[in-house]
Amino acid sequence: MSSISGEKNKIIRSALLGLLRTEYPGSLDLKVLSFSLDSLGFPMPEATLKAHLKYLSEKGLVKLAARKGYGFRFVYASLTARGWDLLDGNVTEDGVSIPKSHGFLEPGEGGDGASENGR
């Protein structure tokens, strides 16, 4: 694997953790994650997304669950406490690149249209 592709994988994994953080302690469906990554500029086949999630799961950063319903199998991912700690900088993981400002809303930020001035 080239260093460019290795670094891109780390950034994709960071983006996945950031997306899952927005739903903590809940989970997100694989299709929602795929659509969200595509919107962030990381389109990928479902198999590649599953590989990234499996990697993060093996590192203890996400939890994967599958549910069956209406003849379909749905895969969900959720952030673990260790994943949250990684995003906060309390632990490190060589396979995930967490920039200082990872571009996702922090808990309690934004979403209500209010500015820092309270307007």
N, C-alpha and C. Protein backbone atom coordinates (compact mmCIF):
# COMPACT_ATOMS: atom_id res chain seq x y z
N MET A 1 0.86 -1.19 0.00
CA MET A 1 0.00 0.00 0.00
C MET A 1 0.90 1.24 0.00
N SER A 2 0.59 2.18 -0.85
CA SER A 2 1.38 3.40 -0.89
C SER A 2 1.08 4.26 0.32
N SER A 3 1.98 5.18 0.64
CA SER A 3 1.77 6.05 1.79
C SER A 3 0.60 7.00 1.57
N ILE A 4 0.35 7.38 0.30
CA ILE A 4 -0.78 8.26 0.00
C ILE A 4 -2.08 7.52 0.30
N SER A 5 -2.20 6.30 -0.17
CA SER A 5 -3.43 5.55 0.08
C SER A 5 -3.55 5.20 1.55
N GLY A 6 -2.43 4.94 2.22
CA GLY A 6 -2.46 4.67 3.66
C GLY A 6 -2.96 5.88 4.44
N GLU A 7 -2.51 7.06 4.07
CA GLU A 7 -2.96 8.28 4.75
C GLU A 7 -4.43 8.56 4.45
N LYS A 8 -4.85 8.29 3.21
CA LYS A 8 -6.26 8.49 2.87
C LYS A 8 -7.14 7.55 3.70
N ASN A 9 -6.71 6.31 3.88
CA ASN A 9 -7.47 5.37 4.71
C ASN A 9 -7.61 5.89 6.13
N LYS A 10 -6.56 6.46 6.67
CA LYS A 10 -6.61 7.02 8.03
C LYS A 10 -7.61 8.17 8.12
N ILE A 11 -7.66 9.00 7.08
CA ILE A 11 -8.58 10.14 7.06
C ILE A 11 -10.03 9.64 6.93
N ILE A 12 -10.25 8.63 6.09
CA ILE A 12 -11.59 8.05 5.95
C ILE A 12 -12.05 7.48 7.28
N ARG A 13 -11.18 6.78 7.97
CA ARG A 13 -11.55 6.20 9.28
C ARG A 13 -11.87 7.30 10.28
N SER A 14 -11.13 8.38 10.23
CA SER A 14 -11.41 9.52 11.10
C SER A 14 -12.79 10.10 10.79
N ALA A 15 -13.10 10.21 9.50
CA ALA A 15 -14.41 10.73 9.10
C ALA A 15 -15.53 9.81 9.58
N LEU A 16 -15.33 8.52 9.49
CA LEU A 16 -16.33 7.56 9.98
C LEU A 16 -16.57 7.75 11.47
N LEU A 17 -15.50 7.88 12.24
CA LEU A 17 -15.66 8.08 13.68
C LEU A 17 -16.39 9.38 13.97
N GLY A 18 -16.07 10.42 13.23
CA GLY A 18 -16.74 11.71 13.43
C GLY A 18 -18.23 11.62 13.12
N LEU A 19 -18.57 10.90 12.05
CA LEU A 19 -19.99 10.72 11.72
C LEU A 19 -20.72 9.94 12.81
N LEU A 20 -20.08 8.90 13.30
CA LEU A 20 -20.71 8.09 14.35
C LEU A 20 -20.84 8.87 15.67
N ARG A 21 -19.92 9.79 15.88
CA ARG A 21 -19.99 10.60 17.10
C ARG A 21 -21.27 11.44 17.15
N THR A 22 -21.76 11.84 15.97
CA THR A 22 -22.97 12.66 15.93
C THR A 22 -24.20 11.91 16.42
N GLU A 23 -24.14 10.58 16.43
CA GLU A 23 -25.29 9.77 16.85
C GLU A 23 -25.05 9.05 18.18
N TYR A 24 -23.91 9.26 18.80
CA TYR A 24 -23.57 8.57 20.04
C TYR A 24 -24.62 8.83 21.11
N PRO A 25 -25.09 7.85 21.83
CA PRO A 25 -24.69 6.44 21.83
C PRO A 25 -25.44 5.58 20.83
N GLY A 26 -26.18 6.20 19.93
CA GLY A 26 -26.92 5.47 18.91
C GLY A 26 -26.01 4.97 17.80
N SER A 27 -26.64 4.48 16.74
CA SER A 27 -25.87 3.90 15.64
C SER A 27 -26.37 4.46 14.31
N LEU A 28 -25.59 4.22 13.28
CA LEU A 28 -25.94 4.62 11.92
C LEU A 28 -25.90 3.39 11.01
N ASP A 29 -26.84 3.33 10.10
CA ASP A 29 -26.92 2.27 9.11
C ASP A 29 -25.80 2.45 8.07
N LEU A 30 -25.35 1.34 7.52
CA LEU A 30 -24.30 1.36 6.51
C LEU A 30 -24.64 2.27 5.33
N LYS A 31 -25.89 2.29 4.91
CA LYS A 31 -26.29 3.12 3.77
C LYS A 31 -26.17 4.61 4.11
N VAL A 32 -26.53 4.98 5.34
CA VAL A 32 -26.39 6.38 5.76
C VAL A 32 -24.92 6.77 5.81
N LEU A 33 -24.08 5.89 6.34
CA LEU A 33 -22.65 6.15 6.39
C LEU A 33 -22.07 6.31 4.98
N SER A 34 -22.50 5.44 4.07
CA SER A 34 -22.01 5.50 2.69
C SER A 34 -22.41 6.83 2.04
N PHE A 35 -23.66 7.23 2.19
CA PHE A 35 -24.14 8.50 1.63
C PHE A 35 -23.38 9.68 2.25
N SER A 36 -23.17 9.64 3.56
CA SER A 36 -22.47 10.72 4.25
C SER A 36 -21.02 10.83 3.80
N LEU A 37 -20.34 9.69 3.66
CA LEU A 37 -18.95 9.72 3.19
C LEU A 37 -18.88 10.24 1.76
N ASP A 38 -19.83 9.85 0.94
CA ASP A 38 -19.87 10.34 -0.43
C ASP A 38 -20.01 11.86 -0.44
N SER A 39 -20.86 12.38 0.45
CA SER A 39 -21.05 13.84 0.54
C SER A 39 -19.78 14.55 1.01
N LEU A 40 -18.96 13.85 1.79
CA LEU A 40 -17.70 14.42 2.28
C LEU A 40 -16.56 14.27 1.27
N GLY A 41 -16.85 13.64 0.12
CA GLY A 41 -15.82 13.46 -0.90
C GLY A 41 -15.10 12.15 -0.84
N PHE A 42 -15.68 11.15 -0.16
CA PHE A 42 -15.07 9.83 -0.06
C PHE A 42 -16.02 8.75 -0.56
N PRO A 43 -16.39 8.78 -1.86
CA PRO A 43 -17.25 7.71 -2.37
C PRO A 43 -16.48 6.39 -2.38
N MET A 44 -17.18 5.30 -2.07
CA MET A 44 -16.52 4.00 -2.07
C MET A 44 -17.56 2.89 -2.18
N PRO A 45 -17.14 1.75 -2.69
CA PRO A 45 -18.04 0.60 -2.75
C PRO A 45 -18.37 0.12 -1.33
N GLU A 46 -19.50 -0.56 -1.20
CA GLU A 46 -19.93 -1.05 0.10
C GLU A 46 -18.89 -1.97 0.74
N ALA A 47 -18.22 -2.78 -0.08
CA ALA A 47 -17.22 -3.71 0.46
C ALA A 47 -16.06 -2.94 1.11
N THR A 48 -15.67 -1.83 0.53
CA THR A 48 -14.58 -1.02 1.09
C THR A 48 -15.02 -0.39 2.41
N LEU A 49 -16.25 0.12 2.44
CA LEU A 49 -16.78 0.69 3.68
C LEU A 49 -16.82 -0.37 4.78
N LYS A 50 -17.28 -1.56 4.43
CA LYS A 50 -17.32 -2.65 5.42
C LYS A 50 -15.91 -2.99 5.93
N ALA A 51 -14.93 -2.94 5.04
CA ALA A 51 -13.55 -3.22 5.44
C ALA A 51 -13.05 -2.17 6.44
N HIS A 52 -13.36 -0.90 6.19
CA HIS A 52 -12.96 0.16 7.13
C HIS A 52 -13.64 -0.03 8.48
N LEU A 53 -14.93 -0.36 8.45
CA LEU A 53 -15.66 -0.56 9.71
C LEU A 53 -15.15 -1.78 10.46
N LYS A 54 -14.82 -2.84 9.74
CA LYS A 54 -14.26 -4.05 10.37
C LYS A 54 -12.93 -3.70 11.05
N TYR A 55 -12.10 -2.94 10.36
CA TYR A 55 -10.82 -2.51 10.93
C TYR A 55 -11.05 -1.73 12.23
N LEU A 56 -11.96 -0.75 12.18
CA LEU A 56 -12.25 0.06 13.36
C LEU A 56 -12.84 -0.79 14.48
N SER A 57 -13.63 -1.78 14.11
CA SER A 57 -14.21 -2.69 15.10
C SER A 57 -13.12 -3.53 15.78
N GLU A 58 -12.20 -4.03 14.99
CA GLU A 58 -11.10 -4.84 15.53
C GLU A 58 -10.22 -4.02 16.47
N LYS A 59 -10.16 -2.71 16.26
CA LYS A 59 -9.39 -1.81 17.13
C LYS A 59 -10.18 -1.37 18.36
N GLY A 60 -11.47 -1.77 18.42
CA GLY A 60 -12.31 -1.41 19.56
C GLY A 60 -12.85 0.01 19.51
N LEU A 61 -12.85 0.61 18.31
CA LEU A 61 -13.29 2.00 18.16
C LEU A 61 -14.76 2.11 17.78
N VAL A 62 -15.28 1.07 17.13
CA VAL A 62 -16.70 1.01 16.78
C VAL A 62 -17.25 -0.37 17.12
N LYS A 63 -18.56 -0.42 17.25
CA LYS A 63 -19.26 -1.69 17.47
C LYS A 63 -20.18 -1.90 16.28
N LEU A 64 -20.16 -3.09 15.72
CA LEU A 64 -21.00 -3.43 14.58
C LEU A 64 -22.12 -4.35 15.01
N ALA A 65 -23.30 -4.15 14.45
CA ALA A 65 -24.44 -5.00 14.74
C ALA A 65 -25.23 -5.20 13.45
N ALA A 66 -25.80 -6.38 13.31
CA ALA A 66 -26.64 -6.67 12.14
C ALA A 66 -28.03 -7.03 12.62
N ARG A 67 -29.00 -6.54 11.89
CA ARG A 67 -30.40 -6.84 12.20
C ARG A 67 -31.09 -7.27 10.92
N LYS A 68 -32.01 -8.23 11.05
CA LYS A 68 -32.79 -8.67 9.90
C LYS A 68 -34.19 -8.12 10.02
N GLY A 69 -34.74 -7.76 8.88
CA GLY A 69 -36.11 -7.28 8.85
C GLY A 69 -36.62 -7.20 7.43
N TYR A 70 -37.82 -7.65 7.21
CA TYR A 70 -38.47 -7.58 5.91
C TYR A 70 -37.63 -8.22 4.81
N GLY A 71 -36.95 -9.29 5.15
CA GLY A 71 -36.15 -10.00 4.16
C GLY A 71 -34.80 -9.38 3.86
N PHE A 72 -34.44 -8.33 4.59
CA PHE A 72 -33.15 -7.67 4.39
C PHE A 72 -32.29 -7.79 5.63
N ARG A 73 -31.00 -7.65 5.45
CA ARG A 73 -30.06 -7.62 6.57
C ARG A 73 -29.47 -6.22 6.62
N PHE A 74 -29.65 -5.56 7.75
CA PHE A 74 -29.14 -4.20 7.94
C PHE A 74 -27.93 -4.25 8.85
N VAL A 75 -26.88 -3.52 8.48
CA VAL A 75 -25.68 -3.44 9.30
C VAL A 75 -25.61 -2.03 9.89
N TYR A 76 -25.39 -1.97 11.19
CA TYR A 76 -25.30 -0.70 11.90
C TYR A 76 -23.94 -0.60 12.58
N ALA A 77 -23.45 0.61 12.70
CA ALA A 77 -22.19 0.87 13.41
C ALA A 77 -22.45 1.93 14.46
N SER A 78 -21.78 1.78 15.59
CA SER A 78 -21.86 2.80 16.65
C SER A 78 -20.47 3.03 17.22
N LEU A 79 -20.26 4.23 17.70
CA LEU A 79 -18.99 4.63 18.29
C LEU A 79 -18.88 4.04 19.70
N THR A 80 -17.70 3.55 20.05
CA THR A 80 -17.47 3.08 21.42
C THR A 80 -16.87 4.21 22.24
N ALA A 81 -16.79 3.99 23.54
CA ALA A 81 -16.16 4.98 24.42
C ALA A 81 -14.70 5.20 24.01
N ARG A 82 -14.02 4.13 23.59
CA ARG A 82 -12.62 4.26 23.15
C ARG A 82 -12.54 5.11 21.88
N GLY A 83 -13.52 4.94 20.99
CA GLY A 83 -13.55 5.77 19.78
C GLY A 83 -13.73 7.24 20.11
N TRP A 84 -14.59 7.51 21.08
CA TRP A 84 -14.81 8.89 21.53
C TRP A 84 -13.51 9.44 22.13
N ASP A 85 -12.85 8.62 22.96
CA ASP A 85 -11.59 9.04 23.56
C ASP A 85 -10.54 9.36 22.50
N LEU A 86 -10.54 8.58 21.42
CA LEU A 86 -9.59 8.84 20.32
C LEU A 86 -9.89 10.20 19.70
N LEU A 87 -11.16 10.48 19.43
CA LEU A 87 -11.53 11.77 18.85
C LEU A 87 -11.17 12.93 19.77
N ASP A 88 -11.26 12.71 21.08
CA ASP A 88 -10.91 13.74 22.06
C ASP A 88 -9.41 13.87 22.30
N GLY A 89 -8.62 12.94 21.73
CA GLY A 89 -7.18 12.99 21.90
C GLY A 89 -6.69 12.34 23.19
N ASN A 90 -7.55 11.58 23.86
CA ASN A 90 -7.16 10.92 25.11
C ASN A 90 -6.41 9.62 24.89
N VAL A 91 -6.55 9.03 23.71
CA VAL A 91 -5.81 7.84 23.32
C VAL A 91 -5.34 8.04 21.88
N THR A 92 -4.41 7.23 21.44
CA THR A 92 -3.92 7.31 20.06
C THR A 92 -4.11 5.97 19.38
N GLU A 93 -4.18 6.03 18.08
CA GLU A 93 -4.31 4.82 17.26
C GLU A 93 -3.60 5.09 15.95
N ASP A 94 -2.58 4.27 15.64
CA ASP A 94 -1.77 4.49 14.44
C ASP A 94 -2.58 4.44 13.15
N GLY A 95 -3.65 3.66 13.10
CA GLY A 95 -4.40 3.48 11.87
C GLY A 95 -5.47 4.52 11.61
N VAL A 96 -5.56 5.54 12.46
CA VAL A 96 -6.57 6.59 12.29
C VAL A 96 -5.89 7.93 12.47
N SER A 97 -6.12 8.84 11.51
CA SER A 97 -5.52 10.17 11.57
C SER A 97 -6.57 11.17 12.03
N ILE A 98 -6.42 11.68 13.26
CA ILE A 98 -7.37 12.64 13.81
C ILE A 98 -6.72 14.02 13.77
N PRO A 99 -7.18 14.88 12.83
CA PRO A 99 -6.64 16.24 12.80
C PRO A 99 -7.11 17.02 14.02
N LYS A 100 -6.37 18.09 14.36
CA LYS A 100 -6.74 18.91 15.51
C LYS A 100 -8.19 19.34 15.42
N SER A 101 -8.59 19.85 14.28
CA SER A 101 -9.99 20.22 14.06
C SER A 101 -10.53 19.24 13.04
N HIS A 102 -11.26 18.22 13.50
CA HIS A 102 -11.68 17.17 12.58
C HIS A 102 -12.93 17.52 11.80
N GLY A 103 -13.42 18.76 11.89
CA GLY A 103 -14.46 19.22 10.98
C GLY A 103 -15.87 18.77 11.30
N PHE A 104 -16.08 18.14 12.44
CA PHE A 104 -17.41 17.71 12.82
C PHE A 104 -17.86 18.52 14.02
N LEU A 105 -19.14 18.68 14.15
CA LEU A 105 -19.68 19.43 15.28
C LEU A 105 -19.32 18.72 16.58
N GLU A 106 -18.82 19.47 17.51
CA GLU A 106 -18.57 18.95 18.83
C GLU A 106 -19.90 18.90 19.58
N PRO A 107 -20.02 18.08 20.60
CA PRO A 107 -21.26 18.04 21.37
C PRO A 107 -21.62 19.44 21.87
N GLY A 108 -22.87 19.84 21.64
CA GLY A 108 -23.34 21.15 22.11
C GLY A 108 -23.08 22.28 21.14
N GLU A 109 -22.41 22.02 20.01
CA GLU A 109 -22.11 23.08 19.04
C GLU A 109 -23.12 23.07 17.92
N GLY A 110 -23.45 24.24 17.43
CA GLY A 110 -24.21 24.39 16.19
C GLY A 110 -25.55 23.69 16.19
N GLY A 111 -26.13 23.64 15.01
CA GLY A 111 -27.37 22.93 14.82
C GLY A 111 -28.60 23.74 15.16
N ASP A 112 -28.47 24.77 16.00
CA ASP A 112 -29.67 25.54 16.38
C ASP A 112 -29.69 26.91 15.70
N GLY A 113 -28.70 27.20 14.87
CA GLY A 113 -28.67 28.47 14.15
C GLY A 113 -28.13 29.63 14.96
N ALA A 114 -27.79 29.41 16.22
CA ALA A 114 -27.28 30.51 17.06
C ALA A 114 -25.80 30.70 16.82
N SER A 115 -25.36 31.93 16.83
CA SER A 115 -23.94 32.23 16.69
C SER A 115 -23.31 32.27 18.07
N GLU A 116 -22.01 32.46 18.10
CA GLU A 116 -21.30 32.56 19.38
C GLU A 116 -21.76 33.76 20.18
N ASN A 117 -22.29 34.78 19.54
CA ASN A 117 -22.74 35.98 20.21
C ASN A 117 -24.14 35.82 20.80
N GLY A 118 -24.75 34.65 20.58
CA GLY A 118 -26.07 34.41 21.10
C GLY A 118 -27.18 34.90 20.20
N ARG A 119 -26.83 35.34 18.99
CA ARG A 119 -27.84 35.82 18.04
C ARG A 119 -28.42 34.68 17.26
